[in-house]
PDB file of N, CA and C in Angstrom:
ATOM      1  N   MET A   1      82.161  89.515  90.686  1.00  0.00           N
ATOM      2  CA  MET A   1      82.289  90.608  91.610  1.00  0.00           C
ATOM      3  C   MET A   1      81.578  91.825  91.033  1.00  0.00           C
ATOM      4  N   SER A   2      80.866  92.541  91.874  1.00  0.00           N
ATOM      5  CA  SER A   2      80.130  93.703  91.405  1.00  0.00           C
ATOM      6  C   SER A   2      81.075  94.873  91.140  1.00  0.00           C
ATOM      7  N   THR A   3      80.551  95.861  90.431  1.00  0.00           N
ATOM      8  CA  THR A   3      81.347  97.041  90.103  1.00  0.00           C
ATOM      9  C   THR A   3      81.746  97.798  91.360  1.00  0.00           C
ATOM     10  N   GLN A   4      80.868  97.814  92.373  1.00  0.00           N
ATOM     11  CA  GLN A   4      81.163  98.517  93.614  1.00  0.00           C
ATOM     12  C   GLN A   4      82.354  97.894  94.343  1.00  0.00           C
ATOM     13  N   ARG A   5      82.552  96.602  94.176  1.00  0.00           N
ATOM     14  CA  ARG A   5      83.667  95.934  94.848  1.00  0.00           C
ATOM     15  C   ARG A   5      84.934  95.992  94.000  1.00  0.00           C
ATOM     16  N   LYS A   6      84.796  96.086  92.683  1.00  0.00           N
ATOM     17  CA  LYS A   6      85.968  96.123  91.817  1.00  0.00           C
ATOM     18  C   LYS A   6      86.713  97.438  91.919  1.00  0.00           C
ATOM     19  N   THR A   7      85.987  98.524  92.099  1.00  0.00           N
ATOM     20  CA  THR A   7      86.617  99.841  92.126  1.00  0.00           C
ATOM     21  C   THR A   7      87.650  99.979  93.247  1.00  0.00           C
ATOM     22  N   PRO A   8      87.347  99.617  94.512  1.00  0.00           N
ATOM     23  CA  PRO A   8      88.382  99.727  95.550  1.00  0.00           C
ATOM     24  C   PRO A   8      89.585  98.814  95.286  1.00  0.00           C
ATOM     25  N   TYR A   9      89.345  97.626  94.762  1.00  0.00           N
ATOM     26  CA  TYR A   9      90.452  96.729  94.446  1.00  0.00           C
ATOM     27  C   TYR A   9      91.324  97.311  93.343  1.00  0.00           C
ATOM     28  N   ARG A  10      90.689  97.884  92.336  1.00  0.00           N
ATOM     29  CA  ARG A  10      91.435  98.498  91.238  1.00  0.00           C
ATOM     30  C   ARG A  10      92.265  99.662  91.766  1.00  0.00           C
ATOM     31  N   LEU A  11      91.686 100.485  92.627  1.00  0.00           N
ATOM     32  CA  LEU A  11      92.413 101.600  93.212  1.00  0.00           C
ATOM     33  C   LEU A  11      93.592 101.095  94.046  1.00  0.00           C
ATOM     34  N   GLY A  12      93.379 100.038  94.800  1.00  0.00           N
ATOM     35  CA  GLY A  12      94.460  99.453  95.594  1.00  0.00           C
ATOM     36  C   GLY A  12      95.595  98.939  94.737  1.00  0.00           C
ATOM     37  N   VAL A  13      95.263  98.324  93.619  1.00  0.00           N
ATOM     38  CA  VAL A  13      96.291  97.813  92.712  1.00  0.00           C
ATOM     39  C   VAL A  13      97.057  98.974  92.074  1.00  0.00           C
ATOM     40  N   VAL A  14      96.347 100.017  91.683  1.00  0.00           N
ATOM     41  CA  VAL A  14      97.007 101.187  91.087  1.00  0.00           C
ATOM     42  C   VAL A  14      97.951 101.828  92.100  1.00  0.00           C
ATOM     43  N   ILE A  15      97.509 101.969  93.336  1.00  0.00           N
ATOM     44  CA  ILE A  15      98.355 102.560  94.377  1.00  0.00           C
ATOM     45  C   ILE A  15      99.570 101.683  94.627  1.00  0.00           C
ATOM     46  N   LEU A  16      99.376 100.378  94.662  1.00  0.00           N
ATOM     47  CA  LEU A  16     100.501  99.462  94.846  1.00  0.00           C
ATOM     48  C   LEU A  16     101.508  99.604  93.711  1.00  0.00           C
ATOM     49  N   LEU A  17     101.036  99.713  92.479  1.00  0.00           N
ATOM     50  CA  LEU A  17     101.932  99.876  91.335  1.00  0.00           C
ATOM     51  C   LEU A  17     102.679 101.211  91.401  1.00  0.00           C
ATOM     52  N   VAL A  18     102.008 102.256  91.854  1.00  0.00           N
ATOM     53  CA  VAL A  18     102.674 103.559  92.013  1.00  0.00           C
ATOM     54  C   VAL A  18     103.768 103.455  93.066  1.00  0.00           C
ATOM     55  N   LEU A  19     103.480 102.797  94.185  1.00  0.00           N
ATOM     56  CA  LEU A  19     104.479 102.650  95.238  1.00  0.00           C
ATOM     57  C   LEU A  19     105.665 101.816  94.765  1.00  0.00           C
ATOM     58  N   ILE A  20     105.402 100.764  94.015  1.00  0.00           N
ATOM     59  CA  ILE A  20     106.491  99.943  93.480  1.00  0.00           C
ATOM     60  C   ILE A  20     107.338 100.751  92.506  1.00  0.00           C
ATOM     61  N   THR A  21     106.678 101.551  91.656  1.00  0.00           N
ATOM     62  CA  THR A  21     107.404 102.388  90.705  1.00  0.00           C
ATOM     63  C   THR A  21     108.295 103.397  91.431  1.00  0.00           C
ATOM     64  N   LEU A  22     107.761 104.025  92.472  1.00  0.00           N
ATOM     65  CA  LEU A  22     108.568 104.962  93.251  1.00  0.00           C
ATOM     66  C   LEU A  22     109.748 104.266  93.921  1.00  0.00           C
ATOM     67  N   LEU A  23     109.532 103.070  94.426  1.00  0.00           N
ATOM     68  CA  LEU A  23     110.593 102.320  95.079  1.00  0.00           C
ATOM     69  C   LEU A  23     111.695 101.957  94.093  1.00  0.00           C
ATOM     70  N   VAL A  24     111.320 101.475  92.925  1.00  0.00           N
ATOM     71  CA  VAL A  24     112.304 101.098  91.917  1.00  0.00           C
ATOM     72  C   VAL A  24     113.072 102.338  91.446  1.00  0.00           C
ATOM     73  N   THR A  25     112.370 103.438  91.259  1.00  0.00           N
ATOM     74  CA  THR A  25     113.028 104.681  90.847  1.00  0.00           C
ATOM     75  C   THR A  25     113.989 105.156  91.927  1.00  0.00           C
ATOM     76  N   GLU A  26     113.553 105.088  93.170  1.00  0.00           N
ATOM     77  CA  GLU A  26     114.411 105.481  94.288  1.00  0.00           C
ATOM     78  C   GLU A  26     115.669 104.613  94.329  1.00  0.00           C
ATOM     79  N   PHE A  27     115.499 103.330  94.147  1.00  0.00           N
ATOM     80  CA  PHE A  27     116.635 102.408  94.154  1.00  0.00           C
ATOM     81  C   PHE A  27     117.574 102.698  92.979  1.00  0.00           C
ATOM     82  N   ALA A  28     116.999 102.993  91.812  1.00  0.00           N
ATOM     83  CA  ALA A  28     117.815 103.243  90.624  1.00  0.00           C
ATOM     84  C   ALA A  28     118.646 104.514  90.769  1.00  0.00           C
ATOM     85  N   ILE A  29     118.057 105.579  91.295  1.00  0.00           N
ATOM     86  CA  ILE A  29     118.827 106.821  91.397  1.00  0.00           C
ATOM     87  C   ILE A  29     119.790 106.799  92.574  1.00  0.00           C
ATOM     88  N   SER A  30     119.580 105.880  93.513  1.00  0.00           N
ATOM     89  CA  SER A  30     120.508 105.816  94.645  1.00  0.00           C
ATOM     90  C   SER A  30     121.874 105.296  94.214  1.00  0.00           C
ATOM     91  N   GLY A  31     121.948 104.644  93.066  1.00  0.00           N
ATOM     92  CA  GLY A  31     123.220 104.161  92.546  1.00  0.00           C
ATOM     93  C   GLY A  31     124.084 105.279  91.998  1.00  0.00           C
ATOM     94  N   PHE A  32     123.476 106.401  91.707  1.00  0.00           N
ATOM     95  CA  PHE A  32     124.220 107.555  91.216  1.00  0.00           C
ATOM     96  C   PHE A  32     124.634 108.415  92.405  1.00  0.00           C
ATOM     97  N   ASN A  33     125.486 109.353  92.146  1.00  0.00           N
ATOM     98  CA  ASN A  33     125.956 110.232  93.209  1.00  0.00           C
ATOM     99  C   ASN A  33     124.958 111.376  93.391  1.00  0.00           C
ATOM    100  N   VAL A  34     123.873 111.094  94.124  1.00  0.00           N
ATOM    101  CA  VAL A  34     122.834 112.093  94.366  1.00  0.00           C
ATOM    102  C   VAL A  34     122.844 112.465  95.847  1.00  0.00           C
ATOM    103  N   PRO A  35     122.440 113.673  96.167  1.00  0.00           N
ATOM    104  CA  PRO A  35     122.389 114.060  97.584  1.00  0.00           C
ATOM    105  C   PRO A  35     121.282 113.292  98.316  1.00  0.00           C
ATOM    106  N   PRO A  36     121.464 113.105  99.609  1.00  0.00           N
ATOM    107  CA  PRO A  36     120.477 112.341 100.380  1.00  0.00           C
ATOM    108  C   PRO A  36     119.073 112.924 100.323  1.00  0.00           C
ATOM    109  N   TRP A  37     118.928 114.242 100.228  1.00  0.00           N
ATOM    110  CA  TRP A  37     117.595 114.827 100.210  1.00  0.00           C
ATOM    111  C   TRP A  37     116.796 114.354  99.000  1.00  0.00           C
ATOM    112  N   ALA A  38     117.465 113.998  97.918  1.00  0.00           N
ATOM    113  CA  ALA A  38     116.753 113.501  96.735  1.00  0.00           C
ATOM    114  C   ALA A  38     116.095 112.150  97.037  1.00  0.00           C
ATOM    115  N   ILE A  39     116.776 111.330  97.804  1.00  0.00           N
ATOM    116  CA  ILE A  39     116.210 110.029  98.192  1.00  0.00           C
ATOM    117  C   ILE A  39     115.084 110.233  99.202  1.00  0.00           C
ATOM    118  N   TYR A  40     115.264 111.199 100.106  1.00  0.00           N
ATOM    119  CA  TYR A  40     114.234 111.478 101.106  1.00  0.00           C
ATOM    120  C   TYR A  40     112.929 111.931 100.468  1.00  0.00           C
ATOM    121  N   ILE A  41     113.020 112.643  99.373  1.00  0.00           N
ATOM    122  CA  ILE A  41     111.802 113.093  98.688  1.00  0.00           C
ATOM    123  C   ILE A  41     110.954 111.898  98.278  1.00  0.00           C
ATOM    124  N   PHE A  42     111.588 110.873  97.703  1.00  0.00           N
ATOM    125  CA  PHE A  42     110.841 109.681  97.325  1.00  0.00           C
ATOM    126  C   PHE A  42     110.237 109.002  98.548  1.00  0.00           C
ATOM    127  N   GLY A  43     110.988 108.955  99.632  1.00  0.00           N
ATOM    128  CA  GLY A  43     110.478 108.349 100.862  1.00  0.00           C
ATOM    129  C   GLY A  43     109.285 109.092 101.426  1.00  0.00           C
ATOM    130  N   PHE A  44     109.347 110.428 101.407  1.00  0.00           N
ATOM    131  CA  PHE A  44     108.229 111.223 101.912  1.00  0.00           C
ATOM    132  C   PHE A  44     106.991 111.081 101.026  1.00  0.00           C
ATOM    133  N   ILE A  45     107.189 111.000  99.736  1.00  0.00           N
ATOM    134  CA  ILE A  45     106.055 110.791  98.824  1.00  0.00           C
ATOM    135  C   ILE A  45     105.406 109.436  99.104  1.00  0.00           C
ATOM    136  N   GLN A  46     106.234 108.405  99.246  1.00  0.00           N
ATOM    137  CA  GLN A  46     105.700 107.079  99.540  1.00  0.00           C
ATOM    138  C   GLN A  46     104.976 107.071 100.885  1.00  0.00           C
ATOM    139  N   ALA A  47     105.562 107.694 101.889  1.00  0.00           N
ATOM    140  CA  ALA A  47     104.926 107.741 103.205  1.00  0.00           C
ATOM    141  C   ALA A  47     103.594 108.477 103.137  1.00  0.00           C
ATOM    142  N   GLY A  48     103.538 109.566 102.386  1.00  0.00           N
ATOM    143  CA  GLY A  48     102.294 110.311 102.241  1.00  0.00           C
ATOM    144  C   GLY A  48     101.202 109.489 101.580  1.00  0.00           C
ATOM    145  N   ILE A  49     101.571 108.751 100.541  1.00  0.00           N
ATOM    146  CA  ILE A  49     100.584 107.894  99.865  1.00  0.00           C
ATOM    147  C   ILE A  49     100.080 106.814 100.812  1.00  0.00           C
ATOM    148  N   ILE A  50     100.980 106.190 101.537  1.00  0.00           N
ATOM    149  CA  ILE A  50     100.585 105.122 102.463  1.00  0.00           C
ATOM    150  C   ILE A  50      99.684 105.669 103.566  1.00  0.00           C
ATOM    151  N   ILE A  51     100.063 106.800 104.138  1.00  0.00           N
ATOM    152  CA  ILE A  51      99.248 107.383 105.210  1.00  0.00           C
ATOM    153  C   ILE A  51      97.869 107.777 104.693  1.00  0.00           C
ATOM    154  N   HIS A  52      97.821 108.377 103.513  1.00  0.00           N
ATOM    155  CA  HIS A  52      96.539 108.845 102.979  1.00  0.00           C
ATOM    156  C   HIS A  52      95.643 107.686 102.557  1.00  0.00           C
ATOM    157  N   GLU A  53      96.189 106.723 101.856  1.00  0.00           N
ATOM    158  CA  GLU A  53      95.353 105.670 101.271  1.00  0.00           C
ATOM    159  C   GLU A  53      95.118 104.475 102.184  1.00  0.00           C
ATOM    160  N   TYR A  54      96.128 104.048 102.928  1.00  0.00           N
ATOM    161  CA  TYR A  54      95.996 102.828 103.713  1.00  0.00           C
ATOM    162  C   TYR A  54      95.668 103.073 105.176  1.00  0.00           C
ATOM    163  N   MET A  55      96.059 104.215 105.714  1.00  0.00           N
ATOM    164  CA  MET A  55      95.759 104.505 107.113  1.00  0.00           C
ATOM    165  C   MET A  55      94.502 105.363 107.249  1.00  0.00           C
ATOM    166  N   HIS A  56      93.963 105.834 106.140  1.00  0.00           N
ATOM    167  CA  HIS A  56      92.701 106.576 106.077  1.00  0.00           C
ATOM    168  C   HIS A  56      92.699 107.808 106.975  1.00  0.00           C
ATOM    169  N   VAL A  57      93.821 108.501 107.044  1.00  0.00           N
ATOM    170  CA  VAL A  57      93.914 109.711 107.858  1.00  0.00           C
ATOM    171  C   VAL A  57      93.008 110.798 107.301  1.00  0.00           C
ATOM    172  N   SER A  58      92.792 110.795 105.998  1.00  0.00           N
ATOM    173  CA  SER A  58      91.950 111.837 105.401  1.00  0.00           C
ATOM    174  C   SER A  58      90.516 111.782 105.936  1.00  0.00           C
ATOM    175  N   ARG A  59      90.079 110.634 106.426  1.00  0.00           N
ATOM    176  CA  ARG A  59      88.725 110.520 106.978  1.00  0.00           C
ATOM    177  C   ARG A  59      88.562 111.314 108.274  1.00  0.00           C
ATOM    178  N   LEU A  60      89.658 111.562 108.957  1.00  0.00           N
ATOM    179  CA  LEU A  60      89.582 112.310 110.204  1.00  0.00           C
ATOM    180  C   LEU A  60      89.162 113.752 109.978  1.00  0.00           C
ATOM    181  N   PHE A  61      89.429 114.264 108.783  1.00  0.00           N
ATOM    182  CA  PHE A  61      89.178 115.662 108.499  1.00  0.00           C
ATOM    183  C   PHE A  61      87.943 115.897 107.641  1.00  0.00           C
ATOM    184  N   LYS A  62      87.183 114.856 107.371  1.00  0.00           N
ATOM    185  CA  LYS A  62      85.951 114.999 106.597  1.00  0.00           C
ATOM    186  C   LYS A  62      84.780 115.241 107.533  1.00  0.00           C
ATOM    187  N   ASP A  63      83.813 116.010 107.057  1.00  0.00           N
ATOM    188  CA  ASP A  63      82.572 116.185 107.810  1.00  0.00           C
ATOM    189  C   ASP A  63      81.736 114.927 107.639  1.00  0.00           C
ATOM    190  N   ASP A  64      81.303 114.385 108.733  1.00  0.00           N
ATOM    191  CA  ASP A  64      80.494 113.163 108.678  1.00  0.00           C
ATOM    192  C   ASP A  64      79.036 113.546 108.861  1.00  0.00           C
ATOM    193  N   LYS A  65      78.288 113.558 107.780  1.00  0.00           N
ATOM    194  CA  LYS A  65      76.879 113.940 107.848  1.00  0.00           C
ATOM    195  C   LYS A  65      76.056 112.900 108.601  1.00  0.00           C
ATOM    196  N   ASN A  66      76.490 111.630 108.542  1.00  0.00           N
ATOM    197  CA  ASN A  66      75.750 110.602 109.280  1.00  0.00           C
ATOM    198  C   ASN A  66      75.878 110.822 110.787  1.00  0.00           C
ATOM    199  N   LYS A  67      77.009 111.324 111.220  1.00  0.00           N
ATOM    200  CA  LYS A  67      77.206 111.577 112.654  1.00  0.00           C
ATOM    201  C   LYS A  67      76.264 112.684 113.117  1.00  0.00           C
ATOM    202  N   GLU A  68      76.063 113.705 112.281  1.00  0.00           N
ATOM    203  CA  GLU A  68      75.171 114.804 112.637  1.00  0.00           C
ATOM    204  C   GLU A  68      73.731 114.323 112.714  1.00  0.00           C
ATOM    205  N   ASN A  69      73.333 113.431 111.815  1.00  0.00           N
ATOM    206  CA  ASN A  69      71.960 112.938 111.797  1.00  0.00           C
ATOM    207  C   ASN A  69      71.671 111.977 112.922  1.00  0.00           C
ATOM    208  N   SER A  70      72.694 111.296 113.421  1.00  0.00           N
ATOM    209  CA  SER A  70      72.452 110.303 114.475  1.00  0.00           C
ATOM    210  C   SER A  70      72.404 110.929 115.861  1.00  0.00           C
ATOM    211  N   GLY A  71      72.773 112.216 115.981  1.00  0.00           N
ATOM    212  CA  GLY A  71      72.694 112.892 117.248  1.00  0.00           C
ATOM    213  C   GLY A  71      73.913 112.763 118.112  1.00  0.00           C
ATOM    214  N   GLU A  72      75.016 112.269 117.572  1.00  0.00           N
ATOM    215  CA  GLU A  72      76.253 112.139 118.355  1.00  0.00           C
ATOM    216  C   GLU A  72      76.979 113.429 118.456  1.00  0.00           C
TER     217      GLU A  72
END
Protein backbone atom coordinates (compact mmCIF):
# COMPACT_ATOMS: atom_id res chain seq x y z
CA MET A 1 0.00 0.00 0.00
CA SER A 2 1.31 3.44 -0.87
CA THR A 3 1.99 6.14 1.69
CA GLN A 4 -0.96 8.17 0.37
CA ARG A 5 -3.32 5.31 1.21
CA LYS A 6 -1.76 4.47 4.57
CA THR A 7 -2.22 7.94 6.03
CA PRO A 8 -6.07 7.97 5.95
CA TYR A 9 -6.19 4.44 7.36
CA ARG A 10 -3.78 5.39 10.14
CA LEU A 11 -5.88 8.45 10.95
CA GLY A 12 -9.02 6.31 11.00
CA VAL A 13 -7.42 3.84 13.39
CA VAL A 14 -6.22 6.65 15.68
CA ILE A 15 -9.71 8.19 15.73
CA LEU A 16 -11.25 4.79 16.46
CA LEU A 17 -8.84 4.29 19.37
CA VAL A 18 -9.67 7.76 20.73
CA LEU A 19 -13.39 6.99 20.55
CA ILE A 20 -12.89 3.64 22.29
CA THR A 21 -10.81 5.33 25.00
CA LEU A 22 -13.52 7.94 25.56
CA LEU A 23 -16.18 5.23 25.71
CA VAL A 24 -14.26 3.15 28.24
CA THR A 25 -13.55 6.24 30.35
CA GLU A 26 -17.21 7.25 30.19
CA PHE A 27 -18.25 3.76 31.27
CA ALA A 28 -15.69 3.72 34.10
CA ILE A 29 -16.73 7.04 35.61
CA SER A 30 -20.42 6.21 35.29
CA GLY A 31 -19.93 3.66 38.07
CA PHE A 32 -19.13 6.46 40.47
CA ASN A 33 -21.62 8.95 41.80
CA VAL A 34 -21.08 11.65 39.15
CA PRO A 35 -23.63 14.16 37.88
CA PRO A 36 -25.23 13.41 34.52
CA TRP A 37 -23.62 16.44 32.85
CA ALA A 38 -20.21 14.79 33.33
CA ILE A 39 -21.34 11.83 31.24
CA TYR A 40 -22.91 14.15 28.66
CA ILE A 41 -19.57 15.87 28.14
CA PHE A 42 -18.03 12.60 26.98
CA GLY A 43 -21.00 11.98 24.70
CA PHE A 44 -20.76 15.43 23.13
CA ILE A 45 -17.02 15.02 22.56
CA GLN A 46 -17.60 11.65 20.89
CA ALA A 47 -20.43 13.06 18.77
CA GLY A 48 -18.24 15.98 17.70
CA ILE A 49 -15.42 13.68 16.64
CA ILE A 50 -17.79 11.44 14.69
CA ILE A 51 -19.49 14.36 12.96
CA HIS A 52 -16.19 16.03 12.08
CA GLU A 53 -14.23 12.98 10.95
CA TYR A 54 -16.77 10.50 9.60
CA MET A 55 -19.59 12.72 8.34
CA HIS A 56 -17.15 15.25 6.79
CA VAL A 57 -19.19 18.26 7.90
CA SER A 58 -16.02 20.36 7.94
CA ARG A 59 -15.91 20.10 4.13
CA LEU A 60 -19.09 22.14 3.90
CA PHE A 61 -17.29 25.17 5.27
CA LYS A 62 -14.10 24.98 3.21
CA ASP A 63 -13.51 27.09 0.13
CA ASP A 64 -13.38 24.82 -2.87
CA LYS A 65 -10.90 26.27 -5.34
CA ASN A 66 -11.73 23.56 -7.88
CA LYS A 67 -15.35 24.71 -7.89
CA GLU A 68 -14.26 28.27 -8.70
CA ASN A 69 -12.05 27.09 -11.57
CA SER A 70 -14.72 24.88 -13.10
CA GLY A 71 -17.19 27.76 -13.42
CA GLU A 72 -19.89 26.39 -11.11
